[in-house]
N, C-alpha and C. Protein backbone atom coordinates (compact mmCIF):
# COMPACT_ATOMS: atom_id res chain seq x y z
N TYR A 1 -110.87 -17.45 -21.25
CA TYR A 1 -111.07 -17.45 -22.68
C TYR A 1 -111.78 -16.17 -23.08
N VAL A 2 -111.42 -15.64 -24.24
CA VAL A 2 -112.01 -14.40 -24.73
C VAL A 2 -112.45 -14.62 -26.17
N LEU A 3 -113.66 -14.17 -26.50
CA LEU A 3 -114.17 -14.27 -27.86
C LEU A 3 -113.62 -13.12 -28.69
N GLY A 4 -112.88 -13.44 -29.74
CA GLY A 4 -112.35 -12.41 -30.64
C GLY A 4 -111.49 -11.39 -29.92
N ASN A 5 -111.71 -10.12 -30.23
CA ASN A 5 -110.96 -9.02 -29.62
C ASN A 5 -111.84 -8.21 -28.68
N VAL A 6 -112.67 -8.88 -27.90
CA VAL A 6 -113.62 -8.22 -27.01
C VAL A 6 -112.90 -7.30 -26.02
N ILE A 7 -111.76 -7.76 -25.48
CA ILE A 7 -110.95 -6.90 -24.62
C ILE A 7 -109.51 -6.94 -25.11
N GLU A 8 -108.82 -5.84 -24.91
CA GLU A 8 -107.43 -5.73 -25.34
C GLU A 8 -106.51 -6.35 -24.29
N PRO A 9 -105.41 -6.98 -24.74
CA PRO A 9 -104.42 -7.45 -23.77
C PRO A 9 -103.82 -6.26 -23.01
N ILE A 10 -103.41 -6.49 -21.78
CA ILE A 10 -102.85 -5.43 -20.96
C ILE A 10 -101.55 -4.90 -21.55
N GLY A 11 -100.70 -5.80 -22.04
CA GLY A 11 -99.47 -5.38 -22.69
C GLY A 11 -98.41 -4.84 -21.74
N ARG A 12 -98.50 -5.17 -20.47
CA ARG A 12 -97.52 -4.74 -19.46
C ARG A 12 -97.05 -5.96 -18.69
N ASP A 13 -95.99 -5.80 -17.93
CA ASP A 13 -95.44 -6.88 -17.13
C ASP A 13 -96.11 -6.87 -15.76
N TYR A 14 -97.41 -7.26 -15.74
CA TYR A 14 -98.19 -7.27 -14.51
C TYR A 14 -98.37 -8.69 -14.01
N LEU A 15 -98.43 -8.83 -12.71
CA LEU A 15 -98.71 -10.09 -12.06
C LEU A 15 -100.09 -9.98 -11.41
N TYR A 16 -100.98 -10.92 -11.74
CA TYR A 16 -102.32 -10.92 -11.15
C TYR A 16 -102.21 -11.04 -9.63
N SER A 17 -102.99 -10.24 -8.90
CA SER A 17 -102.99 -10.29 -7.45
C SER A 17 -104.33 -10.80 -6.91
N GLU A 18 -105.44 -10.09 -7.24
CA GLU A 18 -106.74 -10.52 -6.71
C GLU A 18 -107.89 -9.81 -7.42
N LEU A 19 -109.09 -10.41 -7.30
CA LEU A 19 -110.33 -9.76 -7.73
C LEU A 19 -110.86 -8.96 -6.55
N VAL A 20 -111.42 -7.79 -6.85
CA VAL A 20 -111.94 -6.92 -5.79
C VAL A 20 -113.43 -6.70 -6.03
N ASN A 21 -114.25 -7.10 -5.07
CA ASN A 21 -115.70 -6.87 -5.08
C ASN A 21 -116.39 -7.22 -6.40
N PRO A 22 -116.25 -8.46 -6.88
CA PRO A 22 -116.97 -8.81 -8.11
C PRO A 22 -118.48 -8.84 -7.86
N ILE A 23 -119.23 -8.33 -8.82
CA ILE A 23 -120.69 -8.36 -8.78
C ILE A 23 -121.16 -9.13 -10.00
N PHE A 24 -121.92 -10.21 -9.79
CA PHE A 24 -122.41 -11.06 -10.86
C PHE A 24 -123.91 -10.87 -11.02
N ILE A 25 -124.36 -10.62 -12.26
CA ILE A 25 -125.78 -10.41 -12.53
C ILE A 25 -126.19 -11.34 -13.67
N LYS A 26 -127.12 -12.25 -13.40
CA LYS A 26 -127.63 -13.16 -14.42
C LYS A 26 -128.42 -12.37 -15.44
N ASP A 27 -128.14 -12.61 -16.74
CA ASP A 27 -128.83 -11.91 -17.83
C ASP A 27 -129.12 -12.92 -18.93
N GLY A 28 -130.24 -13.63 -18.81
CA GLY A 28 -130.56 -14.68 -19.79
C GLY A 28 -129.55 -15.81 -19.69
N ASP A 29 -128.92 -16.15 -20.83
CA ASP A 29 -127.90 -17.19 -20.85
C ASP A 29 -126.52 -16.67 -20.46
N ASN A 30 -126.42 -15.38 -20.23
CA ASN A 30 -125.13 -14.76 -19.91
C ASN A 30 -125.07 -14.30 -18.46
N VAL A 31 -123.88 -13.94 -18.03
CA VAL A 31 -123.67 -13.35 -16.72
C VAL A 31 -122.88 -12.06 -16.92
N LYS A 32 -123.42 -10.95 -16.42
CA LYS A 32 -122.71 -9.68 -16.46
C LYS A 32 -121.88 -9.57 -15.18
N VAL A 33 -120.64 -9.11 -15.33
CA VAL A 33 -119.73 -9.01 -14.18
C VAL A 33 -119.14 -7.61 -14.13
N LYS A 34 -119.22 -7.00 -12.95
CA LYS A 34 -118.52 -5.74 -12.69
C LYS A 34 -117.46 -6.09 -11.66
N VAL A 35 -116.20 -5.81 -11.98
CA VAL A 35 -115.12 -6.24 -11.10
C VAL A 35 -113.91 -5.33 -11.25
N ALA A 36 -113.18 -5.19 -10.17
CA ALA A 36 -111.86 -4.56 -10.21
C ALA A 36 -110.84 -5.68 -10.04
N VAL A 37 -109.73 -5.55 -10.74
CA VAL A 37 -108.66 -6.56 -10.67
C VAL A 37 -107.39 -5.86 -10.23
N LYS A 38 -106.77 -6.40 -9.18
CA LYS A 38 -105.49 -5.86 -8.71
C LYS A 38 -104.35 -6.62 -9.36
N PHE A 39 -103.40 -5.85 -9.90
CA PHE A 39 -102.18 -6.40 -10.47
C PHE A 39 -101.00 -5.77 -9.76
N ILE A 40 -99.87 -6.46 -9.76
CA ILE A 40 -98.61 -5.91 -9.27
C ILE A 40 -97.72 -5.66 -10.48
N ASP A 41 -97.24 -4.44 -10.64
CA ASP A 41 -96.31 -4.11 -11.72
C ASP A 41 -94.95 -4.70 -11.35
N ASN A 42 -94.45 -5.63 -12.16
CA ASN A 42 -93.19 -6.31 -11.85
C ASN A 42 -91.99 -5.38 -11.87
N GLN A 43 -92.06 -4.27 -12.60
CA GLN A 43 -90.92 -3.35 -12.65
C GLN A 43 -90.89 -2.43 -11.44
N THR A 44 -92.03 -1.83 -11.11
CA THR A 44 -92.06 -0.82 -10.03
C THR A 44 -92.56 -1.39 -8.70
N LYS A 45 -93.16 -2.58 -8.74
CA LYS A 45 -93.79 -3.22 -7.57
C LYS A 45 -95.00 -2.44 -7.06
N ALA A 46 -95.49 -1.51 -7.86
CA ALA A 46 -96.69 -0.75 -7.50
C ALA A 46 -97.94 -1.59 -7.78
N THR A 47 -99.00 -1.31 -7.05
CA THR A 47 -100.29 -1.98 -7.29
C THR A 47 -101.05 -1.21 -8.35
N GLN A 48 -101.56 -1.92 -9.33
CA GLN A 48 -102.37 -1.34 -10.41
C GLN A 48 -103.76 -1.95 -10.29
N VAL A 49 -104.80 -1.12 -10.24
CA VAL A 49 -106.17 -1.62 -10.17
C VAL A 49 -106.88 -1.24 -11.46
N SER A 50 -107.43 -2.24 -12.14
CA SER A 50 -108.18 -2.02 -13.37
C SER A 50 -109.62 -2.45 -13.15
N GLN A 51 -110.56 -1.66 -13.67
CA GLN A 51 -111.98 -1.97 -13.52
C GLN A 51 -112.53 -2.49 -14.84
N TYR A 52 -113.39 -3.51 -14.76
CA TYR A 52 -113.95 -4.13 -15.95
C TYR A 52 -115.45 -4.33 -15.78
N GLU A 53 -116.16 -4.20 -16.88
CA GLU A 53 -117.56 -4.63 -16.98
C GLU A 53 -117.58 -5.63 -18.13
N LEU A 54 -117.87 -6.88 -17.80
CA LEU A 54 -117.75 -7.97 -18.76
C LEU A 54 -119.07 -8.71 -18.91
N VAL A 55 -119.23 -9.38 -20.04
CA VAL A 55 -120.35 -10.30 -20.25
C VAL A 55 -119.73 -11.68 -20.47
N LEU A 56 -120.16 -12.64 -19.65
CA LEU A 56 -119.65 -14.01 -19.73
C LEU A 56 -120.73 -14.93 -20.27
N HIS A 57 -120.29 -15.94 -21.04
CA HIS A 57 -121.21 -16.95 -21.57
C HIS A 57 -120.55 -18.31 -21.42
N LYS A 58 -121.33 -19.33 -21.07
CA LYS A 58 -120.75 -20.66 -20.89
C LYS A 58 -121.22 -21.61 -21.98
N ASP A 59 -120.25 -22.13 -22.73
CA ASP A 59 -120.48 -23.28 -23.61
C ASP A 59 -119.79 -24.45 -22.92
N SER A 60 -118.65 -24.90 -23.47
CA SER A 60 -117.88 -25.93 -22.76
C SER A 60 -117.06 -25.29 -21.64
N ASN A 61 -116.69 -24.01 -21.80
CA ASN A 61 -115.98 -23.23 -20.79
C ASN A 61 -116.62 -21.84 -20.73
N TRP A 62 -116.35 -21.11 -19.65
CA TRP A 62 -116.78 -19.72 -19.57
C TRP A 62 -115.92 -18.89 -20.50
N LYS A 63 -116.56 -17.97 -21.24
CA LYS A 63 -115.85 -17.09 -22.17
C LYS A 63 -116.31 -15.66 -21.97
N ILE A 64 -115.37 -14.73 -22.11
CA ILE A 64 -115.72 -13.31 -22.12
C ILE A 64 -116.21 -13.01 -23.53
N VAL A 65 -117.49 -12.61 -23.65
CA VAL A 65 -118.08 -12.36 -24.97
C VAL A 65 -118.44 -10.90 -25.18
N GLY A 66 -118.31 -10.10 -24.14
CA GLY A 66 -118.65 -8.68 -24.28
C GLY A 66 -118.19 -7.89 -23.10
């Protein structure tokens, strides 16, 4: 789940592969996450790695809030 437009959709034909070295840091009621995500490009079959720094918050579910 994502709050508003905090992150943009990828907009490509990627297949999720795996998380790489996620680092979780507690910050008050939130959790900061630094992570790389591996995707497979369905057209070229190449591996695409994207890096993210996210802020997560839990209400009824975990949400990306920043």
